[in-house]
Amino acid sequence: MVLSTGIDMDFSNTPPLDAGHIALFDMDETLVDFQGPLRDRLLLTQGPEEVFPSNLWDMPDHWYQRAQAIKREPGFWRNLPRLQWGWDVLNICQEIGYDIHILTKGPTTGPQAWAEKVEWVREHLPSATLHITDDKRIAYGRVFVDDYWPFMELWLRHRPRGLGIVNYESSKHENLVSIHDGMDVVRERLQEAFDMPLRDAIL
């Protein structure tokens, strides 16, 4: 899928690709606090007799339509704040020497949202390589950092020697490590993945 964002892209400062040491990072709820601002905005629309949805990923339709309207507002995606756990992992990856790639699913709210994701990354991570996609499982990396298990599960099926970093319990898969296991454990597993010979990493 090819989408024009209306932004002039300058690739003159694009870092050289280190194909053997790519770390993929999700944006929403990994590097970016998406649910907090959305929840705050939705609360402003709550009627006195309405029950607020407990799961913002699976809302009744009338709440979903409100959320979609909020996400279409200019600046919503561009102004989202950072989420600390993802940045803690990213900082470790940078210290080890990984090539940082941002891998994010394109919002369903249209081209403006895609463009604002580009703007956010260019402001906060100007040296990172950005991929906006409808299918995360096709992306190569030694490491994938993502909060959403269905995306992680699909990626691990296609990258059986890849390492997944998550913010929930890690017993779902032998190649998962959670921040709740401790950041020393996360750093150790990231270093092991970095040191793996390229042939072993990609086969």
Protein backbone atom coordinates (compact mmCIF):
# COMPACT_ATOMS: atom_id res chain seq x y z
CA MET A 1 0.00 0.00 0.00
CA VAL A 2 1.43 3.38 -1.00
CA LEU A 3 0.13 6.53 0.67
CA SER A 4 1.07 10.15 0.08
CA THR A 5 1.22 12.03 3.39
CA GLY A 6 1.76 15.45 1.83
CA ILE A 7 5.12 15.76 3.62
CA ASP A 8 8.32 16.37 1.68
CA MET A 9 10.64 13.56 2.72
CA ASP A 10 14.38 14.25 2.83
CA PHE A 11 16.41 11.04 2.81
CA SER A 12 19.84 12.72 2.74
CA ASN A 13 20.41 12.03 6.44
CA THR A 14 19.10 8.46 6.40
CA PRO A 15 21.50 6.29 8.45
CA PRO A 16 23.18 3.31 6.78
CA LEU A 17 21.17 0.11 7.12
CA ASP A 18 22.62 -2.40 9.56
CA ALA A 19 20.65 -5.36 8.26
CA GLY A 20 21.97 -7.65 10.98
CA HIS A 21 21.05 -5.59 14.04
CA ILE A 22 17.60 -4.11 13.54
CA ALA A 23 15.35 -3.49 16.55
CA LEU A 24 11.71 -2.85 15.65
CA PHE A 25 9.60 -0.63 17.94
CA ASP A 26 5.85 -0.24 17.95
CA MET A 27 4.49 3.25 18.66
CA ASP A 28 1.05 3.21 20.34
CA GLU A 29 1.25 1.99 23.96
CA THR A 30 4.94 1.17 23.51
CA LEU A 31 6.78 4.41 22.75
CA VAL A 32 3.66 6.59 22.77
CA ASP A 33 0.94 7.03 25.40
CA PHE A 34 -2.12 6.57 23.20
CA GLN A 35 -4.76 5.31 25.62
CA GLY A 36 -4.25 7.95 28.32
CA PRO A 37 -5.06 10.99 26.16
CA LEU A 38 -7.85 9.12 24.36
CA ARG A 39 -9.41 8.10 27.68
CA ASP A 40 -9.22 11.68 28.96
CA ARG A 41 -10.98 12.98 25.86
CA LEU A 42 -13.64 10.27 25.95
CA LEU A 43 -14.41 11.01 29.58
CA LEU A 44 -15.42 14.53 28.55
CA THR A 45 -18.16 13.02 26.36
CA GLN A 46 -19.56 10.64 29.01
CA GLY A 47 -23.20 11.18 29.91
CA PRO A 48 -24.44 10.89 33.52
CA GLU A 49 -26.00 7.46 32.93
CA GLU A 50 -23.33 6.05 30.63
CA VAL A 51 -20.92 3.30 31.62
CA PHE A 52 -17.39 4.06 30.52
CA PRO A 53 -15.80 1.22 28.50
CA SER A 54 -13.31 -0.87 30.44
CA ASN A 55 -11.34 -1.81 27.32
CA LEU A 56 -10.48 0.93 24.83
CA TRP A 57 -9.42 -1.70 22.28
CA ASP A 58 -12.92 -3.25 22.28
CA MET A 59 -15.59 -0.60 22.82
CA PRO A 60 -19.32 -0.56 22.12
CA ASP A 61 -20.02 1.06 18.76
CA HIS A 62 -21.23 4.43 20.08
CA TRP A 63 -18.00 4.81 22.09
CA TYR A 64 -15.94 3.60 19.14
CA GLN A 65 -17.45 6.28 16.90
CA ARG A 66 -16.59 8.97 19.45
CA ALA A 67 -13.03 7.65 19.67
CA GLN A 68 -12.72 7.71 15.88
CA ALA A 69 -13.88 11.33 15.82
CA ILE A 70 -11.31 12.28 18.46
CA LYS A 71 -8.54 10.52 16.53
CA ARG A 72 -9.48 12.49 13.40
CA GLU A 73 -8.95 15.82 15.15
CA PRO A 74 -5.88 17.69 13.86
CA GLY A 75 -2.93 17.25 16.20
CA PHE A 76 -4.21 14.23 18.13
CA TRP A 77 -1.51 11.83 16.90
CA ARG A 78 1.22 14.46 16.62
CA ASN A 79 0.87 15.62 20.24
CA LEU A 80 0.72 12.28 22.05
CA PRO A 81 3.20 12.02 24.97
CA ARG A 82 5.98 9.46 25.39
CA LEU A 83 5.42 6.21 27.26
CA GLN A 84 8.32 5.39 29.54
CA TRP A 85 8.59 1.60 29.33
CA GLY A 86 9.21 1.62 25.60
CA TRP A 87 11.82 4.34 25.89
CA ASP A 88 13.62 2.42 28.63
CA VAL A 89 13.98 -0.53 26.24
CA LEU A 90 14.89 1.75 23.35
CA ASN A 91 17.67 3.37 25.36
CA ILE A 92 19.16 -0.07 26.10
CA CYS A 93 18.97 -0.98 22.41
CA GLN A 94 20.77 2.23 21.47
CA GLU A 95 23.49 1.59 24.07
CA ILE A 96 24.06 -1.91 22.68
CA GLY A 97 24.23 -0.61 19.12
CA TYR A 98 20.96 -1.66 17.48
CA ASP A 99 19.68 0.06 14.35
CA ILE A 100 16.35 1.51 15.53
CA HIS A 101 13.31 1.07 13.28
CA ILE A 102 9.81 2.26 14.14
CA LEU A 103 7.14 -0.22 13.01
CA THR A 104 3.60 1.08 13.42
CA LYS A 105 0.22 0.13 12.03
CA GLY A 106 -1.44 2.82 9.93
CA PRO A 107 -4.44 4.37 11.73
CA THR A 108 -7.83 3.76 10.15
CA THR A 109 -8.76 7.43 10.52
CA GLY A 110 -7.09 8.52 7.29
CA PRO A 111 -4.02 10.15 5.74
CA GLN A 112 -3.80 12.95 8.30
CA ALA A 113 -3.21 10.43 11.09
CA TRP A 114 -0.48 8.72 9.04
CA ALA A 115 1.17 12.09 8.39
CA GLU A 116 1.07 13.01 12.08
CA LYS A 117 2.75 9.73 13.02
CA VAL A 118 5.55 10.67 10.64
CA GLU A 119 5.80 14.11 12.28
CA TRP A 120 5.91 12.56 15.76
CA VAL A 121 8.77 10.24 14.85
CA ARG A 122 10.71 12.99 13.07
CA GLU A 123 10.46 15.14 16.21
CA HIS A 124 11.21 12.51 18.86
CA LEU A 125 13.41 10.02 16.97
CA PRO A 126 14.86 11.86 13.98
CA SER A 127 17.55 9.24 13.31
CA ALA A 128 15.17 6.25 13.36
CA THR A 129 13.86 4.52 10.23
CA LEU A 130 10.05 4.62 10.06
CA HIS A 131 7.72 1.95 8.63
CA ILE A 132 3.94 2.48 8.55
CA THR A 133 2.26 -0.75 7.52
CA ASP A 134 -0.91 -2.79 7.54
CA ASP A 135 1.01 -6.01 8.29
CA LYS A 136 3.77 -6.03 10.92
CA ARG A 137 4.61 -9.71 10.50
CA ILE A 138 6.54 -9.07 7.26
CA ALA A 139 9.13 -6.77 8.86
CA TYR A 140 12.61 -8.14 9.60
CA GLY A 141 14.35 -7.44 12.88
CA ARG A 142 16.32 -9.30 15.52
CA VAL A 143 14.08 -7.67 18.11
CA PHE A 144 10.45 -6.55 18.12
CA VAL A 145 9.09 -4.39 20.97
CA ASP A 146 5.28 -4.25 21.04
CA ASP A 147 2.53 -4.16 23.66
CA TYR A 148 -0.06 -6.12 21.63
CA TRP A 149 0.19 -9.92 21.74
CA PRO A 150 -1.68 -10.68 18.46
CA PHE A 151 0.86 -8.60 16.49
CA MET A 152 3.75 -10.10 18.42
CA GLU A 153 2.47 -13.64 17.93
CA LEU A 154 2.24 -13.21 14.15
CA TRP A 155 5.70 -11.68 14.00
CA LEU A 156 7.25 -14.54 16.00
CA ARG A 157 5.67 -17.08 13.66
CA HIS A 158 7.59 -15.46 10.80
CA ARG A 159 10.74 -14.75 12.84
CA PRO A 160 11.13 -17.91 14.97
CA ARG A 161 14.59 -16.82 16.16
CA GLY A 162 13.55 -13.26 16.85
CA LEU A 163 13.26 -11.78 20.34
CA GLY A 164 10.04 -10.14 21.50
CA ILE A 165 10.04 -7.53 24.28
CA VAL A 166 6.66 -6.91 25.94
CA ASN A 167 5.08 -5.18 28.94
CA TYR A 168 3.00 -8.18 30.06
CA GLU A 169 3.86 -11.65 31.34
CA SER A 170 6.25 -13.43 29.03
CA SER A 171 5.21 -17.08 29.39
CA LYS A 172 3.21 -16.96 26.14
CA HIS A 173 6.32 -17.80 24.09
CA GLU A 174 9.89 -18.94 24.78
CA ASN A 175 11.26 -16.01 22.74
CA LEU A 176 9.47 -13.38 24.81
CA VAL A 177 10.95 -11.36 27.63
CA SER A 178 8.93 -8.91 29.70
CA ILE A 179 10.00 -5.68 31.35
CA HIS A 180 8.44 -7.23 34.47
CA ASP A 181 11.25 -9.80 34.40
CA GLY A 182 13.55 -6.88 35.22
CA MET A 183 15.53 -4.54 32.99
CA ASP A 184 18.76 -6.44 33.71
CA VAL A 185 17.14 -9.52 32.17
CA VAL A 186 15.90 -7.45 29.23
CA ARG A 187 19.40 -6.06 28.65
CA GLU A 188 20.95 -9.54 28.84
CA ARG A 189 18.51 -11.00 26.28
CA LEU A 190 18.98 -7.99 23.98
CA GLN A 191 22.74 -8.42 24.12
CA GLU A 192 22.42 -12.14 23.34
CA ALA A 193 20.25 -11.37 20.32
CA PHE A 194 22.70 -8.70 19.15
CA ASP A 195 25.67 -11.08 19.46
CA MET A 196 24.00 -13.93 17.57
CA PRO A 197 25.67 -14.60 14.20
CA LEU A 198 23.63 -13.15 11.35
CA ARG A 199 23.08 -16.56 9.74
CA ASP A 200 21.55 -17.90 12.93
CA ALA A 201 19.43 -14.78 13.39
CA ILE A 202 17.72 -14.88 10.01
CA LEU A 203 17.27 -18.61 9.37
